[in-house]
């Protein structure tokens, strides 16, 4: 389990060592991409060839565009989930 502090809110999420989890957060009024609680500075290519941008937008290989919402996460297989907030 990984615990990260982003913009004053404590988050936790699980990941296995072979499949990195990328999450979207809002910082200073803009969407950013994080991994392991740190800001991601480069775009990421998923296993299926889709491109995950550092602003949280996803360009699928077929040309479809998806905007991930704040607190959504995606793994390298393209599985989208919600990040769990710790109370």
PDB file of N, CA and C in Angstrom:
ATOM      1  N   UNK A   1       0.850  -1.170   0.000  1.00  0.00           N
ATOM      2  CA  UNK A   1       0.000   0.000   0.000  1.00  0.00           C
ATOM      3  C   UNK A   1       0.893   1.230   0.000  1.00  0.00           C
ATOM      4  N   UNK A   2       0.482   2.212  -0.751  1.00  0.00           N
ATOM      5  CA  UNK A   2       1.211   3.469  -0.829  1.00  0.00           C
ATOM      6  C   UNK A   2       0.329   4.556  -0.248  1.00  0.00           C
ATOM      7  N   UNK A   3       0.898   5.402   0.578  1.00  0.00           N
ATOM      8  CA  UNK A   3       0.159   6.523   1.140  1.00  0.00           C
ATOM      9  C   UNK A   3       0.829   7.797   0.658  1.00  0.00           C
ATOM     10  N   UNK A   4       0.049   8.737   0.146  1.00  0.00           N
ATOM     11  CA  UNK A   4       0.604   9.965  -0.410  1.00  0.00           C
ATOM     12  C   UNK A   4      -0.219  11.156   0.052  1.00  0.00           C
ATOM     13  N   UNK A   5       0.436  12.295   0.227  1.00  0.00           N
ATOM     14  CA  UNK A   5      -0.236  13.531   0.586  1.00  0.00           C
ATOM     15  C   UNK A   5      -0.242  14.422  -0.643  1.00  0.00           C
ATOM     16  N   UNK A   6      -1.432  14.768  -1.117  1.00  0.00           N
ATOM     17  CA  UNK A   6      -1.559  15.653  -2.272  1.00  0.00           C
ATOM     18  C   UNK A   6      -2.499  16.788  -1.893  1.00  0.00           C
ATOM     19  N   UNK A   7      -2.030  17.998  -1.981  1.00  0.00           N
ATOM     20  CA  UNK A   7      -2.832  19.188  -1.745  1.00  0.00           C
ATOM     21  C   UNK A   7      -3.595  19.082  -0.416  1.00  0.00           C
ATOM     22  N   UNK A   8      -2.921  18.631   0.628  1.00  0.00           N
ATOM     23  CA  UNK A   8      -3.503  18.584   1.950  1.00  0.00           C
ATOM     24  C   UNK A   8      -4.468  17.448   2.206  1.00  0.00           C
ATOM     25  N   UNK A   9      -4.651  16.526   1.265  1.00  0.00           N
ATOM     26  CA  UNK A   9      -5.556  15.392   1.439  1.00  0.00           C
ATOM     27  C   UNK A   9      -4.724  14.120   1.394  1.00  0.00           C
ATOM     28  N   UNK A  10      -4.935  13.252   2.351  1.00  0.00           N
ATOM     29  CA  UNK A  10      -4.187  12.009   2.414  1.00  0.00           C
ATOM     30  C   UNK A  10      -4.878  10.944   1.574  1.00  0.00           C
ATOM     31  N   UNK A  11      -4.145  10.333   0.674  1.00  0.00           N
ATOM     32  CA  UNK A  11      -4.670   9.280  -0.187  1.00  0.00           C
ATOM     33  C   UNK A  11      -3.900   7.999   0.052  1.00  0.00           C
ATOM     34  N   UNK A  12      -4.567   6.883  -0.161  1.00  0.00           N
ATOM     35  CA  UNK A  12      -3.857   5.616  -0.164  1.00  0.00           C
ATOM     36  C   UNK A  12      -4.374   4.795  -1.334  1.00  0.00           C
ATOM     37  N   UNK A  13      -3.499   4.032  -1.914  1.00  0.00           N
ATOM     38  CA  UNK A  13      -3.900   3.146  -2.986  1.00  0.00           C
ATOM     39  C   UNK A  13      -2.915   1.999  -3.062  1.00  0.00           C
ATOM     40  N   UNK A  14      -3.407   0.868  -3.529  1.00  0.00           N
ATOM     41  CA  UNK A  14      -2.577  -0.322  -3.622  1.00  0.00           C
ATOM     42  C   UNK A  14      -2.114  -0.514  -5.047  1.00  0.00           C
ATOM     43  N   UNK A  15      -0.940  -1.056  -5.176  1.00  0.00           N
ATOM     44  CA  UNK A  15      -0.444  -1.415  -6.498  1.00  0.00           C
ATOM     45  C   UNK A  15       0.535  -2.561  -6.327  1.00  0.00           C
ATOM     46  N   UNK A  16       0.635  -3.382  -7.334  1.00  0.00           N
ATOM     47  CA  UNK A  16       1.655  -4.408  -7.261  1.00  0.00           C
ATOM     48  C   UNK A  16       2.903  -3.856  -7.952  1.00  0.00           C
ATOM     49  N   UNK A  17       4.005  -4.514  -7.744  1.00  0.00           N
ATOM     50  CA  UNK A  17       5.280  -3.981  -8.229  1.00  0.00           C
ATOM     51  C   UNK A  17       5.419  -4.045  -9.743  1.00  0.00           C
ATOM     52  N   UNK A  18       4.535  -4.741 -10.431  1.00  0.00           N
ATOM     53  CA  UNK A  18       4.669  -4.863 -11.879  1.00  0.00           C
ATOM     54  C   UNK A  18       3.720  -3.962 -12.651  1.00  0.00           C
ATOM     55  N   UNK A  19       2.812  -3.281 -11.965  1.00  0.00           N
ATOM     56  CA  UNK A  19       1.831  -2.467 -12.668  1.00  0.00           C
ATOM     57  C   UNK A  19       1.662  -1.116 -11.982  1.00  0.00           C
ATOM     58  N   UNK A  20       2.364  -0.128 -12.463  1.00  0.00           N
ATOM     59  CA  UNK A  20       2.345   1.211 -11.896  1.00  0.00           C
ATOM     60  C   UNK A  20       0.965   1.833 -12.039  1.00  0.00           C
ATOM     61  N   UNK A  21       0.576   2.615 -11.053  1.00  0.00           N
ATOM     62  CA  UNK A  21      -0.702   3.290 -11.039  1.00  0.00           C
ATOM     63  C   UNK A  21      -0.475   4.788 -11.188  1.00  0.00           C
ATOM     64  N   UNK A  22      -1.141   5.396 -12.172  1.00  0.00           N
ATOM     65  CA  UNK A  22      -1.052   6.832 -12.433  1.00  0.00           C
ATOM     66  C   UNK A  22      -2.370   7.461 -12.030  1.00  0.00           C
ATOM     67  N   UNK A  23      -2.316   8.525 -11.215  1.00  0.00           N
ATOM     68  CA  UNK A  23      -3.531   9.152 -10.688  1.00  0.00           C
ATOM     69  C   UNK A  23      -3.569  10.628 -11.051  1.00  0.00           C
ATOM     70  N   UNK A  24      -4.789  11.147 -11.198  1.00  0.00           N
ATOM     71  CA  UNK A  24      -4.999  12.549 -11.543  1.00  0.00           C
ATOM     72  C   UNK A  24      -5.348  13.317 -10.271  1.00  0.00           C
ATOM     73  N   UNK A  25      -4.714  14.463 -10.101  1.00  0.00           N
ATOM     74  CA  UNK A  25      -4.976  15.348  -8.964  1.00  0.00           C
ATOM     75  C   UNK A  25      -5.074  16.774  -9.478  1.00  0.00           C
ATOM     76  N   UNK A  26      -5.684  17.626  -8.679  1.00  0.00           N
ATOM     77  CA  UNK A  26      -5.758  19.041  -9.041  1.00  0.00           C
ATOM     78  C   UNK A  26      -4.775  19.798  -8.155  1.00  0.00           C
ATOM     79  N   UNK A  27      -3.902  20.581  -8.774  1.00  0.00           N
ATOM     80  CA  UNK A  27      -2.932  21.368  -8.026  1.00  0.00           C
ATOM     81  C   UNK A  27      -2.855  22.746  -8.661  1.00  0.00           C
ATOM     82  N   UNK A  28      -3.007  23.774  -7.848  1.00  0.00           N
ATOM     83  CA  UNK A  28      -2.966  25.159  -8.324  1.00  0.00           C
ATOM     84  C   UNK A  28      -3.946  25.390  -9.466  1.00  0.00           C
ATOM     85  N   UNK A  29      -5.131  24.759  -9.386  1.00  0.00           N
ATOM     86  CA  UNK A  29      -6.175  24.964 -10.375  1.00  0.00           C
ATOM     87  C   UNK A  29      -6.015  24.210 -11.670  1.00  0.00           C
ATOM     88  N   UNK A  30      -5.020  23.345 -11.762  1.00  0.00           N
ATOM     89  CA  UNK A  30      -4.837  22.569 -12.994  1.00  0.00           C
ATOM     90  C   UNK A  30      -4.702  21.090 -12.660  1.00  0.00           C
ATOM     91  N   UNK A  31      -5.036  20.264 -13.640  1.00  0.00           N
ATOM     92  CA  UNK A  31      -4.940  18.818 -13.456  1.00  0.00           C
ATOM     93  C   UNK A  31      -3.499  18.371 -13.691  1.00  0.00           C
ATOM     94  N   UNK A  32      -3.027  17.492 -12.814  1.00  0.00           N
ATOM     95  CA  UNK A  32      -1.685  16.930 -12.960  1.00  0.00           C
ATOM     96  C   UNK A  32      -1.775  15.417 -12.839  1.00  0.00           C
ATOM     97  N   UNK A  33      -0.764  14.747 -13.310  1.00  0.00           N
ATOM     98  CA  UNK A  33      -0.665  13.297 -13.230  1.00  0.00           C
ATOM     99  C   UNK A  33       0.377  12.952 -12.181  1.00  0.00           C
ATOM    100  N   UNK A  34       0.036  12.024 -11.295  1.00  0.00           N
ATOM    101  CA  UNK A  34       0.980  11.610 -10.259  1.00  0.00           C
ATOM    102  C   UNK A  34       1.195  10.104 -10.313  1.00  0.00           C
ATOM    103  N   UNK A  35       2.327   9.692  -9.821  1.00  0.00           N
ATOM    104  CA  UNK A  35       2.614   8.274  -9.635  1.00  0.00           C
ATOM    105  C   UNK A  35       3.429   8.141  -8.354  1.00  0.00           C
ATOM    106  N   UNK A  36       3.043   7.222  -7.503  1.00  0.00           N
ATOM    107  CA  UNK A  36       3.683   7.036  -6.205  1.00  0.00           C
ATOM    108  C   UNK A  36       3.739   8.338  -5.416  1.00  0.00           C
ATOM    109  N   UNK A  37       2.714   9.195  -5.554  1.00  0.00           N
ATOM    110  CA  UNK A  37       2.641  10.435  -4.813  1.00  0.00           C
ATOM    111  C   UNK A  37       3.501  11.567  -5.347  1.00  0.00           C
ATOM    112  N   UNK A  38       4.150  11.351  -6.489  1.00  0.00           N
ATOM    113  CA  UNK A  38       5.006  12.378  -7.091  1.00  0.00           C
ATOM    114  C   UNK A  38       4.438  12.805  -8.437  1.00  0.00           C
ATOM    115  N   UNK A  39       4.679  14.065  -8.793  1.00  0.00           N
ATOM    116  CA  UNK A  39       4.206  14.586 -10.073  1.00  0.00           C
ATOM    117  C   UNK A  39       4.929  13.886 -11.215  1.00  0.00           C
ATOM    118  N   UNK A  40       4.151  13.416 -12.187  1.00  0.00           N
ATOM    119  CA  UNK A  40       4.692  12.773 -13.389  1.00  0.00           C
ATOM    120  C   UNK A  40       5.037  13.872 -14.392  1.00  0.00           C
ATOM    121  N   UNK A  41       6.270  13.921 -14.873  1.00  0.00           N
ATOM    122  CA  UNK A  41       6.726  14.992 -15.756  1.00  0.00           C
ATOM    123  C   UNK A  41       6.751  14.622 -17.231  1.00  0.00           C
ATOM    124  N   UNK A  42       6.441  13.382 -17.553  1.00  0.00           N
ATOM    125  CA  UNK A  42       6.446  12.947 -18.952  1.00  0.00           C
ATOM    126  C   UNK A  42       5.180  12.154 -19.255  1.00  0.00           C
ATOM    127  N   UNK A  43       4.754  12.190 -20.509  1.00  0.00           N
ATOM    128  CA  UNK A  43       3.621  11.382 -20.945  1.00  0.00           C
ATOM    129  C   UNK A  43       3.990   9.902 -20.833  1.00  0.00           C
ATOM    130  N   UNK A  44       2.966   9.051 -20.730  1.00  0.00           N
ATOM    131  CA  UNK A  44       3.173   7.614 -20.537  1.00  0.00           C
ATOM    132  C   UNK A  44       2.439   6.853 -21.628  1.00  0.00           C
ATOM    133  N   UNK A  45       3.103   5.894 -22.232  1.00  0.00           N
ATOM    134  CA  UNK A  45       2.466   5.010 -23.204  1.00  0.00           C
ATOM    135  C   UNK A  45       2.032   3.736 -22.487  1.00  0.00           C
ATOM    136  N   UNK A  46       0.738   3.439 -22.558  1.00  0.00           N
ATOM    137  CA  UNK A  46       0.201   2.237 -21.934  1.00  0.00           C
ATOM    138  C   UNK A  46       0.518   1.015 -22.785  1.00  0.00           C
ATOM    139  N   UNK A  47       0.298  -0.165 -22.237  1.00  0.00           N
ATOM    140  CA  UNK A  47       0.609  -1.416 -22.939  1.00  0.00           C
ATOM    141  C   UNK A  47      -0.125  -1.558 -24.259  1.00  0.00           C
ATOM    142  N   UNK A  48      -1.347  -0.986 -24.366  1.00  0.00           N
ATOM    143  CA  UNK A  48      -2.123  -1.105 -25.605  1.00  0.00           C
ATOM    144  C   UNK A  48      -1.789  -0.017 -26.627  1.00  0.00           C
ATOM    145  N   UNK A  49      -0.809   0.836 -26.320  1.00  0.00           N
ATOM    146  CA  UNK A  49      -0.409   1.894 -27.243  1.00  0.00           C
ATOM    147  C   UNK A  49      -1.089   3.225 -26.994  1.00  0.00           C
ATOM    148  N   UNK A  50      -2.014   3.294 -26.047  1.00  0.00           N
ATOM    149  CA  UNK A  50      -2.670   4.554 -25.699  1.00  0.00           C
ATOM    150  C   UNK A  50      -1.658   5.481 -25.040  1.00  0.00           C
ATOM    151  N   UNK A  51      -1.880   6.798 -25.182  1.00  0.00           N
ATOM    152  CA  UNK A  51      -0.975   7.790 -24.628  1.00  0.00           C
ATOM    153  C   UNK A  51      -1.655   8.525 -23.485  1.00  0.00           C
ATOM    154  N   UNK A  52      -1.089   8.439 -22.301  1.00  0.00           N
ATOM    155  CA  UNK A  52      -1.582   9.139 -21.127  1.00  0.00           C
ATOM    156  C   UNK A  52      -0.752  10.405 -20.976  1.00  0.00           C
ATOM    157  N   UNK A  53      -1.421  11.563 -21.081  1.00  0.00           N
ATOM    158  CA  UNK A  53      -0.735  12.858 -21.015  1.00  0.00           C
ATOM    159  C   UNK A  53      -0.584  13.305 -19.573  1.00  0.00           C
ATOM    160  N   UNK A  54       0.368  14.185 -19.312  1.00  0.00           N
ATOM    161  CA  UNK A  54       0.621  14.635 -17.938  1.00  0.00           C
ATOM    162  C   UNK A  54      -0.512  15.485 -17.375  1.00  0.00           C
ATOM    163  N   UNK A  55      -1.454  15.918 -18.218  1.00  0.00           N
ATOM    164  CA  UNK A  55      -2.612  16.673 -17.731  1.00  0.00           C
ATOM    165  C   UNK A  55      -3.817  15.765 -17.437  1.00  0.00           C
ATOM    166  N   UNK A  56      -3.632  14.443 -17.529  1.00  0.00           N
ATOM    167  CA  UNK A  56      -4.702  13.496 -17.214  1.00  0.00           C
ATOM    168  C   UNK A  56      -5.567  13.108 -18.393  1.00  0.00           C
ATOM    169  N   UNK A  57      -5.244  13.589 -19.591  1.00  0.00           N
ATOM    170  CA  UNK A  57      -6.021  13.174 -20.760  1.00  0.00           C
ATOM    171  C   UNK A  57      -5.418  11.900 -21.342  1.00  0.00           C
ATOM    172  N   UNK A  58      -6.283  11.078 -21.894  1.00  0.00           N
ATOM    173  CA  UNK A  58      -5.883   9.789 -22.453  1.00  0.00           C
ATOM    174  C   UNK A  58      -6.262   9.767 -23.920  1.00  0.00           C
ATOM    175  N   UNK A  59      -5.291   9.553 -24.785  1.00  0.00           N
ATOM    176  CA  UNK A  59      -5.533   9.415 -26.212  1.00  0.00           C
ATOM    177  C   UNK A  59      -5.369   7.940 -26.551  1.00  0.00           C
ATOM    178  N   UNK A  60      -6.523   7.289 -26.815  1.00  0.00           N
ATOM    179  CA  UNK A  60      -6.488   5.856 -27.109  1.00  0.00           C
ATOM    180  C   UNK A  60      -5.932   5.621 -28.506  1.00  0.00           C
ATOM    181  N   UNK A  61      -5.456   4.426 -28.724  1.00  0.00           N
ATOM    182  CA  UNK A  61      -4.837   4.076 -30.004  1.00  0.00           C
ATOM    183  C   UNK A  61      -5.797   4.260 -31.180  1.00  0.00           C
ATOM    184  N   UNK A  62      -7.119   4.110 -30.932  1.00  0.00           N
ATOM    185  CA  UNK A  62      -8.108   4.278 -32.008  1.00  0.00           C
ATOM    186  C   UNK A  62      -8.473   5.742 -32.249  1.00  0.00           C
ATOM    187  N   UNK A  63      -7.842   6.672 -31.503  1.00  0.00           N
ATOM    188  CA  UNK A  63      -8.089   8.097 -31.683  1.00  0.00           C
ATOM    189  C   UNK A  63      -9.081   8.691 -30.696  1.00  0.00           C
ATOM    190  N   UNK A  64      -9.742   7.856 -29.911  1.00  0.00           N
ATOM    191  CA  UNK A  64     -10.694   8.328 -28.908  1.00  0.00           C
ATOM    192  C   UNK A  64      -9.952   9.081 -27.803  1.00  0.00           C
ATOM    193  N   UNK A  65     -10.536  10.220 -27.372  1.00  0.00           N
ATOM    194  CA  UNK A  65      -9.948  10.998 -26.282  1.00  0.00           C
ATOM    195  C   UNK A  65     -10.808  10.864 -25.041  1.00  0.00           C
ATOM    196  N   UNK A  66     -10.157  10.642 -23.902  1.00  0.00           N
ATOM    197  CA  UNK A  66     -10.836  10.519 -22.609  1.00  0.00           C
ATOM    198  C   UNK A  66     -10.117  11.444 -21.638  1.00  0.00           C
ATOM    199  N   UNK A  67     -10.876  12.212 -20.866  1.00  0.00           N
ATOM    200  CA  UNK A  67     -10.289  13.048 -19.820  1.00  0.00           C
ATOM    201  C   UNK A  67     -10.554  12.389 -18.478  1.00  0.00           C
ATOM    202  N   UNK A  68      -9.492  11.960 -17.819  1.00  0.00           N
ATOM    203  CA  UNK A  68      -9.660  11.389 -16.489  1.00  0.00           C
ATOM    204  C   UNK A  68     -10.034  12.504 -15.524  1.00  0.00           C
ATOM    205  N   UNK A  69     -10.864  12.171 -14.551  1.00  0.00           N
ATOM    206  CA  UNK A  69     -11.327  13.139 -13.564  1.00  0.00           C
ATOM    207  C   UNK A  69     -10.399  13.131 -12.352  1.00  0.00           C
ATOM    208  N   UNK A  70     -10.472  14.196 -11.582  1.00  0.00           N
ATOM    209  CA  UNK A  70      -9.692  14.261 -10.358  1.00  0.00           C
ATOM    210  C   UNK A  70      -9.981  13.029  -9.505  1.00  0.00           C
ATOM    211  N   UNK A  71      -8.948  12.432  -8.962  1.00  0.00           N
ATOM    212  CA  UNK A  71      -8.997  11.231  -8.113  1.00  0.00           C
ATOM    213  C   UNK A  71      -9.212   9.938  -8.889  1.00  0.00           C
ATOM    214  N   UNK A  72      -9.172   9.971 -10.226  1.00  0.00           N
ATOM    215  CA  UNK A  72      -9.194   8.728 -10.993  1.00  0.00           C
ATOM    216  C   UNK A  72      -7.760   8.285 -11.251  1.00  0.00           C
ATOM    217  N   UNK A  73      -7.583   6.976 -11.305  1.00  0.00           N
ATOM    218  CA  UNK A  73      -6.270   6.381 -11.553  1.00  0.00           C
ATOM    219  C   UNK A  73      -6.369   5.411 -12.722  1.00  0.00           C
ATOM    220  N   UNK A  74      -5.248   5.175 -13.366  1.00  0.00           N
ATOM    221  CA  UNK A  74      -5.194   4.223 -14.469  1.00  0.00           C
ATOM    222  C   UNK A  74      -3.892   3.438 -14.360  1.00  0.00           C
ATOM    223  N   UNK A  75      -3.956   2.152 -14.666  1.00  0.00           N
ATOM    224  CA  UNK A  75      -2.729   1.355 -14.661  1.00  0.00           C
ATOM    225  C   UNK A  75      -2.246   1.168 -16.093  1.00  0.00           C
ATOM    226  N   UNK A  76      -1.122   0.502 -16.246  1.00  0.00           N
ATOM    227  CA  UNK A  76      -0.529   0.331 -17.580  1.00  0.00           C
ATOM    228  C   UNK A  76      -1.379  -0.536 -18.501  1.00  0.00           C
ATOM    229  N   UNK A  77      -2.324  -1.305 -17.933  1.00  0.00           N
ATOM    230  CA  UNK A  77      -3.238  -2.115 -18.741  1.00  0.00           C
ATOM    231  C   UNK A  77      -4.452  -1.315 -19.198  1.00  0.00           C
ATOM    232  N   UNK A  78      -4.582  -0.058 -18.710  1.00  0.00           N
ATOM    233  CA  UNK A  78      -5.702   0.792 -19.098  1.00  0.00           C
ATOM    234  C   UNK A  78      -6.917   0.681 -18.191  1.00  0.00           C
ATOM    235  N   UNK A  79      -6.788  -0.006 -17.067  1.00  0.00           N
ATOM    236  CA  UNK A  79      -7.889  -0.140 -16.112  1.00  0.00           C
ATOM    237  C   UNK A  79      -8.018   1.143 -15.297  1.00  0.00           C
ATOM    238  N   UNK A  80      -9.200   1.758 -15.323  1.00  0.00           N
ATOM    239  CA  UNK A  80      -9.439   3.009 -14.617  1.00  0.00           C
ATOM    240  C   UNK A  80     -10.186   2.713 -13.316  1.00  0.00           C
ATOM    241  N   UNK A  81      -9.742   3.353 -12.228  1.00  0.00           N
ATOM    242  CA  UNK A  81     -10.386   3.178 -10.931  1.00  0.00           C
ATOM    243  C   UNK A  81     -10.354   4.510 -10.192  1.00  0.00           C
ATOM    244  N   UNK A  82     -11.038   4.557  -9.067  1.00  0.00           N
ATOM    245  CA  UNK A  82     -11.047   5.754  -8.219  1.00  0.00           C
ATOM    246  C   UNK A  82     -10.068   5.584  -7.091  1.00  0.00           C
ATOM    247  N   UNK A  83      -9.354   6.644  -6.788  1.00  0.00           N
ATOM    248  CA  UNK A  83      -8.409   6.635  -5.657  1.00  0.00           C
ATOM    249  C   UNK A  83      -9.213   6.725  -4.368  1.00  0.00           C
ATOM    250  N   UNK A  84      -8.774   6.002  -3.341  1.00  0.00           N
ATOM    251  CA  UNK A  84      -9.463   6.001  -2.050  1.00  0.00           C
ATOM    252  C   UNK A  84      -8.894   7.108  -1.184  1.00  0.00           C
ATOM    253  N   UNK A  85      -9.773   7.951  -0.615  1.00  0.00           N
ATOM    254  CA  UNK A  85      -9.353   8.986   0.315  1.00  0.00           C
ATOM    255  C   UNK A  85      -9.352   8.405   1.723  1.00  0.00           C
ATOM    256  N   UNK A  86      -8.305   8.716   2.472  1.00  0.00           N
ATOM    257  CA  UNK A  86      -8.220   8.316   3.874  1.00  0.00           C
ATOM    258  C   UNK A  86      -8.917   9.365   4.716  1.00  0.00           C
ATOM    259  N   UNK A  87      -9.727   8.950   5.642  1.00  0.00           N
ATOM    260  CA  UNK A  87     -10.446   9.890   6.521  1.00  0.00           C
ATOM    261  C   UNK A  87      -9.565  10.298   7.660  1.00  0.00           C
TER     262      UNK A  87
END
